[in-house]
Amino acid sequence: MLRALTSALRLPRPWRPLRTRSCASHGATGDPEIQVRALTGRDQGITEILMNRPSARNALGNILVSELLEALAQLREDQQVRVLLFRSGVKGVFCAGADLKEREQMSEAEVGIFVQRLRGLMNEIAFPAPTIAAMDGFALGGGLELALACDLRVAAASSAVMGLIETTRGLLPGAGGTQRLPRCLGVALAKELIFTGRRLSGAQAQALGLVNHAVSQNEEGNAAYHRARELAQEILPQAPIAVRLGKAAIDRGMEVDISSGMAIEGICYAQNIPTQDRLEGMAAFREKRPPRFVGK
């Protein structure tokens, strides 16, 4: 088991940075449904994935899912990405969930295949670097499942509305909601929210622990995005390899007993020992100066 974990927890190899771009779309209009942007200046190291499908309130259809998978595949091992931030370009909505109009046209076999792709997408969002969902509006069904797949969630206190509402549509969460919500909130509360299909405001979600921060909305309707960006800026100065390994230790350790979890932590810690950043951190402490981490 430990040998398999050691292999799974290896540090990613270097990758050519992804430049700012829009993903190609195969839709009727030809317009991309997401944009990927690497920020610069004091935000260098933050990469944003902007969902922009206004005609369907960012519903997860075949094209949007394909573009997200393509972007994540290219970003996954890019060492320049220290924080990955998911946001919406559509005011008042983060992601309205699965595209049920598109799904109506599918056969039962096609529905099964598509839902499996959605699960795969959520698993890909379990990214090596920290991920943050900025929810300034509705995040329902698959939209909340996307946010749950992120490490951290920020919501507008009043304008964000979230819930796993599938049971109100004759469905059940199928893209990880039945697994990630109880891991986030506990079994009893997750069952209550899924059984009832209840919708929560950002403030209510924070009170339950579903989101890390809830903020008052601004006139532009992007307050959660700005708070998420501030949170990303807090992560940027920290040692990126240590952050990634810390994330891996937590994520893997939560799935096993405490003894195995301690072994996973030991594997991750051992990988950090030979890094330049560890030596830089000790030197900075000794010399009473801020460290300059380079991700090596």
Protein backbone atom coordinates (compact mmCIF):
# COMPACT_ATOMS: atom_id res chain seq x y z
CA MET A 1 0.00 0.00 0.00
CA LEU A 2 2.72 2.46 0.98
CA ARG A 3 4.64 1.76 -2.24
CA ALA A 4 1.54 2.60 -4.27
CA LEU A 5 1.01 5.76 -2.24
CA THR A 6 4.62 6.80 -2.72
CA SER A 7 4.18 6.51 -6.47
CA ALA A 8 0.87 8.38 -6.39
CA LEU A 9 2.29 11.20 -4.31
CA ARG A 10 5.36 11.92 -6.42
CA LEU A 11 5.98 15.58 -7.21
CA PRO A 12 4.74 16.57 -10.69
CA ARG A 13 7.31 17.03 -13.42
CA PRO A 14 7.88 20.49 -14.92
CA TRP A 15 5.45 21.63 -17.60
CA ARG A 16 5.41 24.46 -20.13
CA PRO A 17 3.21 27.27 -18.75
CA LEU A 18 -0.21 27.74 -20.34
CA ARG A 19 -0.70 31.17 -21.84
CA THR A 20 -3.86 33.21 -21.51
CA ARG A 21 -6.37 31.88 -23.99
CA SER A 22 -9.93 30.86 -24.73
CA CYS A 23 -10.73 27.21 -25.26
CA ALA A 24 -12.02 26.32 -28.71
CA SER A 25 -15.72 25.65 -28.89
CA HIS A 26 -17.62 23.40 -31.22
CA GLY A 27 -20.94 25.11 -30.60
CA ALA A 28 -23.14 26.78 -33.19
CA THR A 29 -21.78 30.24 -32.46
CA GLY A 30 -18.16 29.16 -32.22
CA ASP A 31 -17.71 31.22 -29.05
CA PRO A 32 -15.66 29.61 -26.27
CA GLU A 33 -17.55 28.78 -23.09
CA ILE A 34 -14.54 29.20 -20.80
CA GLN A 35 -11.48 31.42 -20.69
CA VAL A 36 -8.20 30.65 -18.94
CA ARG A 37 -6.20 33.59 -17.65
CA ALA A 38 -2.83 33.60 -15.90
CA LEU A 39 -2.67 36.73 -13.74
CA THR A 40 0.41 38.93 -13.61
CA GLY A 41 2.09 41.40 -11.28
CA ARG A 42 1.39 40.82 -7.60
CA ASP A 43 -1.10 38.11 -8.65
CA GLN A 44 1.44 36.11 -10.65
CA GLY A 45 0.88 32.46 -9.83
CA ILE A 46 -2.92 32.75 -9.79
CA THR A 47 -4.70 31.23 -12.78
CA GLU A 48 -8.40 31.81 -13.36
CA ILE A 49 -10.90 29.64 -15.20
CA LEU A 50 -13.79 31.87 -16.21
CA MET A 51 -17.04 30.09 -17.13
CA ASN A 52 -18.97 32.14 -19.67
CA ARG A 53 -22.08 30.49 -21.08
CA PRO A 54 -24.72 33.18 -20.50
CA SER A 55 -27.40 31.60 -22.69
CA ALA A 56 -27.61 28.62 -20.32
CA ARG A 57 -26.49 30.21 -17.03
CA ASN A 58 -23.20 28.28 -17.21
CA ALA A 59 -25.06 24.95 -17.25
CA LEU A 60 -22.73 21.99 -17.65
CA GLY A 61 -23.30 20.82 -21.20
CA ASN A 62 -21.07 18.74 -23.42
CA ILE A 63 -19.07 21.69 -24.76
CA LEU A 64 -18.49 23.37 -21.41
CA VAL A 65 -17.43 20.07 -19.84
CA SER A 66 -15.07 19.33 -22.73
CA GLU A 67 -13.46 22.77 -22.49
CA LEU A 68 -13.00 22.46 -18.73
CA LEU A 69 -11.40 19.03 -19.12
CA GLU A 70 -9.07 20.37 -21.84
CA ALA A 71 -8.00 23.33 -19.73
CA LEU A 72 -7.42 21.23 -16.61
CA ALA A 73 -5.35 18.69 -18.56
CA GLN A 74 -3.03 21.47 -19.75
CA LEU A 75 -2.81 23.19 -16.38
CA ARG A 76 -2.43 20.10 -14.20
CA GLU A 77 1.34 19.90 -14.06
CA ASP A 78 2.16 23.52 -14.75
CA GLN A 79 4.43 24.57 -11.93
CA GLN A 80 3.61 28.23 -12.61
CA VAL A 81 0.07 27.63 -11.31
CA ARG A 82 0.17 28.11 -7.55
CA VAL A 83 -3.57 28.70 -7.10
CA LEU A 84 -6.41 27.86 -9.51
CA LEU A 85 -9.54 29.99 -9.17
CA PHE A 86 -12.94 29.13 -10.68
CA ARG A 87 -15.27 32.05 -11.36
CA SER A 88 -18.18 33.07 -13.57
CA GLY A 89 -18.42 35.64 -16.30
CA VAL A 90 -22.22 35.56 -16.07
CA LYS A 91 -23.62 37.97 -13.49
CA GLY A 92 -25.83 36.41 -10.83
CA VAL A 93 -24.80 32.81 -11.46
CA PHE A 94 -21.79 30.61 -10.73
CA CYS A 95 -23.07 27.45 -12.43
CA ALA A 96 -26.71 26.42 -12.74
CA GLY A 97 -25.86 22.72 -12.76
CA ALA A 98 -26.25 20.13 -15.48
CA ASP A 99 -27.81 21.19 -18.77
CA LEU A 100 -31.14 19.37 -18.43
CA LYS A 101 -32.41 20.68 -21.78
CA GLU A 102 -29.43 19.05 -23.47
CA ARG A 103 -29.89 15.92 -21.38
CA GLU A 104 -33.53 15.61 -22.48
CA GLN A 105 -32.30 14.86 -25.98
CA MET A 106 -30.02 12.02 -24.80
CA SER A 107 -30.81 8.33 -24.70
CA GLU A 108 -30.49 6.50 -21.38
CA ALA A 109 -27.10 5.16 -22.47
CA GLU A 110 -25.91 8.65 -23.43
CA VAL A 111 -27.05 10.03 -20.06
CA GLY A 112 -24.96 7.43 -18.26
CA ILE A 113 -21.90 8.26 -20.33
CA PHE A 114 -22.33 12.00 -19.81
CA VAL A 115 -22.76 11.71 -16.04
CA GLN A 116 -19.58 9.60 -15.94
CA ARG A 117 -17.80 12.46 -17.76
CA LEU A 118 -19.13 14.88 -15.15
CA ARG A 119 -17.70 12.69 -12.38
CA GLY A 120 -14.40 12.64 -14.23
CA LEU A 121 -14.45 16.43 -14.46
CA MET A 122 -14.98 16.81 -10.72
CA ASN A 123 -12.11 14.40 -10.08
CA GLU A 124 -9.86 16.47 -12.37
CA ILE A 125 -10.70 19.56 -10.30
CA ALA A 126 -8.96 17.70 -7.45
CA PHE A 127 -5.92 19.56 -8.78
CA PRO A 128 -2.32 19.43 -7.45
CA ALA A 129 -2.38 23.14 -6.52
CA PRO A 130 -5.01 24.71 -4.25
CA THR A 131 -8.35 25.45 -5.94
CA ILE A 132 -10.90 28.11 -4.97
CA ALA A 133 -14.51 28.51 -6.12
CA ALA A 134 -15.82 32.10 -6.17
CA MET A 135 -19.63 31.92 -5.99
CA ASP A 136 -21.28 35.27 -6.59
CA GLY A 137 -24.60 33.77 -7.68
CA PHE A 138 -26.50 30.51 -8.11
CA ALA A 139 -24.57 27.26 -7.66
CA LEU A 140 -27.12 24.47 -7.94
CA GLY A 141 -26.80 20.74 -8.49
CA GLY A 142 -23.69 20.15 -10.56
CA GLY A 143 -22.67 23.75 -9.95
CA LEU A 144 -22.37 23.08 -6.24
CA GLU A 145 -20.68 19.76 -6.97
CA LEU A 146 -18.06 21.69 -8.95
CA ALA A 147 -17.54 24.01 -5.97
CA LEU A 148 -17.36 21.04 -3.59
CA ALA A 149 -14.57 19.58 -5.72
CA CYS A 150 -12.52 22.72 -4.98
CA ASP A 151 -10.42 23.04 -1.83
CA LEU A 152 -11.88 26.37 -0.72
CA ARG A 153 -15.18 28.13 -1.39
CA VAL A 154 -16.09 31.82 -1.13
CA ALA A 155 -19.68 33.03 -1.56
CA ALA A 156 -21.63 36.25 -1.65
CA ALA A 157 -23.68 36.26 1.55
CA SER A 158 -27.02 37.17 -0.05
CA SER A 159 -26.78 36.73 -3.84
CA ALA A 160 -25.18 33.28 -3.79
CA VAL A 161 -27.74 30.48 -3.64
CA MET A 162 -26.52 26.90 -3.47
CA GLY A 163 -27.90 23.42 -3.01
CA LEU A 164 -27.93 19.86 -4.26
CA ILE A 165 -31.46 20.13 -5.61
CA GLU A 166 -31.48 16.98 -7.76
CA THR A 167 -34.21 15.23 -5.74
CA THR A 168 -36.60 18.06 -6.70
CA ARG A 169 -36.05 17.03 -10.35
CA GLY A 170 -36.46 13.29 -9.87
CA LEU A 171 -32.70 12.78 -9.76
CA LEU A 172 -29.93 12.35 -7.21
CA PRO A 173 -26.49 14.00 -7.17
CA GLY A 174 -24.37 12.12 -9.67
CA ALA A 175 -21.12 14.07 -9.95
CA GLY A 176 -19.71 13.50 -6.48
CA GLY A 177 -22.28 15.33 -4.35
CA THR A 178 -23.27 12.26 -2.31
CA GLN A 179 -19.60 11.73 -1.45
CA ARG A 180 -18.13 15.21 -1.05
CA LEU A 181 -20.99 16.87 0.84
CA PRO A 182 -20.90 14.40 3.78
CA ARG A 183 -17.11 14.68 3.87
CA CYS A 184 -17.55 18.44 4.13
CA LEU A 185 -20.51 18.70 6.53
CA GLY A 186 -20.96 15.26 8.09
CA VAL A 187 -23.35 12.48 7.16
CA ALA A 188 -26.54 13.59 8.93
CA LEU A 189 -26.50 17.17 7.64
CA ALA A 190 -25.57 16.08 4.12
CA LYS A 191 -28.48 13.65 4.11
CA GLU A 192 -30.86 16.37 5.26
CA LEU A 193 -29.75 18.76 2.51
CA ILE A 194 -29.87 16.12 -0.23
CA PHE A 195 -33.17 14.55 0.91
CA THR A 196 -34.90 17.96 1.03
CA GLY A 197 -33.17 19.57 -1.96
CA ARG A 198 -32.81 22.66 0.24
CA ARG A 199 -31.28 25.86 -1.09
CA LEU A 200 -28.93 27.89 1.09
CA SER A 201 -27.77 31.48 0.93
CA GLY A 202 -24.07 32.21 1.15
CA ALA A 203 -24.49 33.31 4.77
CA GLN A 204 -26.34 30.10 5.67
CA ALA A 205 -23.71 28.03 3.88
CA GLN A 206 -20.93 29.68 5.88
CA ALA A 207 -22.77 29.03 9.15
CA LEU A 208 -22.87 25.32 8.27
CA GLY A 209 -19.23 25.22 7.17
CA LEU A 210 -20.04 24.65 3.50
CA VAL A 211 -18.11 27.77 2.44
CA ASN A 212 -14.99 29.28 3.99
CA HIS A 213 -16.05 32.90 3.65
CA ALA A 214 -19.30 34.77 2.94
CA VAL A 215 -19.04 38.43 1.94
CA SER A 216 -21.48 41.25 1.30
CA GLN A 217 -22.19 41.69 -2.39
CA ASN A 218 -20.98 44.82 -4.21
CA GLU A 219 -22.56 46.83 -7.03
CA GLU A 220 -20.55 44.96 -9.66
CA GLY A 221 -21.79 41.61 -8.36
CA ASN A 222 -18.29 40.13 -7.95
CA ALA A 223 -17.53 40.48 -4.23
CA ALA A 224 -16.92 36.74 -3.78
CA TYR A 225 -14.44 36.80 -6.63
CA HIS A 226 -12.49 39.64 -5.01
CA ARG A 227 -12.43 37.84 -1.65
CA ALA A 228 -11.34 34.61 -3.36
CA ARG A 229 -8.53 36.52 -5.06
CA GLU A 230 -7.43 37.95 -1.70
CA LEU A 231 -7.40 34.41 -0.31
CA ALA A 232 -5.28 33.26 -3.26
CA GLN A 233 -2.88 36.14 -2.58
CA GLU A 234 -2.39 34.81 0.97
CA ILE A 235 -1.36 31.43 -0.47
CA LEU A 236 1.03 32.80 -3.12
CA PRO A 237 3.99 33.69 -0.82
CA GLN A 238 4.09 30.22 0.75
CA ALA A 239 6.38 27.44 -0.46
CA PRO A 240 4.49 25.94 -3.44
CA ILE A 241 5.88 22.41 -3.15
CA ALA A 242 5.09 22.30 0.57
CA VAL A 243 1.57 23.59 -0.14
CA ARG A 244 0.95 20.95 -2.80
CA LEU A 245 2.33 18.17 -0.60
CA GLY A 246 0.29 19.42 2.35
CA LYS A 247 -2.82 19.26 0.18
CA ALA A 248 -1.94 15.74 -0.97
CA ALA A 249 -1.37 14.58 2.62
CA ILE A 250 -4.75 15.95 3.73
CA ASP A 251 -6.70 14.64 0.74
CA ARG A 252 -5.18 11.16 0.84
CA GLY A 253 -5.14 10.96 4.60
CA MET A 254 -8.85 11.73 4.93
CA GLU A 255 -9.67 8.52 3.06
CA VAL A 256 -7.82 6.15 5.40
CA ASP A 257 -7.37 5.38 9.12
CA ILE A 258 -5.16 7.64 11.23
CA SER A 259 -2.20 5.24 11.20
CA SER A 260 -2.18 5.08 7.40
CA GLY A 261 -2.72 8.82 7.29
CA MET A 262 0.40 9.39 9.39
CA ALA A 263 2.32 7.21 6.95
CA ILE A 264 1.05 9.32 4.05
CA GLU A 265 2.14 12.47 5.87
CA GLY A 266 5.59 10.91 6.32
CA ILE A 267 5.84 10.14 2.60
CA CYS A 268 4.92 13.71 1.71
CA TYR A 269 7.27 15.18 4.31
CA ALA A 270 10.15 13.07 2.98
CA GLN A 271 9.59 14.45 -0.51
CA ASN A 272 9.87 18.00 0.80
CA ILE A 273 13.16 17.48 2.66
CA PRO A 274 15.50 17.73 -0.38
CA THR A 275 13.82 20.84 -1.82
CA GLN A 276 15.59 24.18 -2.21
CA ASP A 277 12.56 25.88 -0.68
CA ARG A 278 12.99 24.03 2.62
CA LEU A 279 16.58 25.26 2.87
CA GLU A 280 15.50 28.76 1.87
CA GLY A 281 12.84 28.78 4.59
CA MET A 282 15.39 27.87 7.26
CA ALA A 283 17.90 30.40 5.93
CA ALA A 284 15.27 33.16 5.92
CA PHE A 285 14.32 32.34 9.50
CA ARG A 286 17.95 32.41 10.58
CA GLU A 287 18.63 35.69 8.74
CA LYS A 288 15.36 37.29 9.90
CA ARG A 289 14.11 38.09 6.38
CA PRO A 290 11.13 37.05 4.27
CA PRO A 291 11.75 33.81 2.37
CA ARG A 292 11.96 33.78 -1.43
CA PHE A 293 10.44 30.48 -2.50
CA VAL A 294 10.96 29.36 -6.11
CA GLY A 295 9.12 26.04 -6.20
CA LYS A 296 12.21 23.80 -6.39
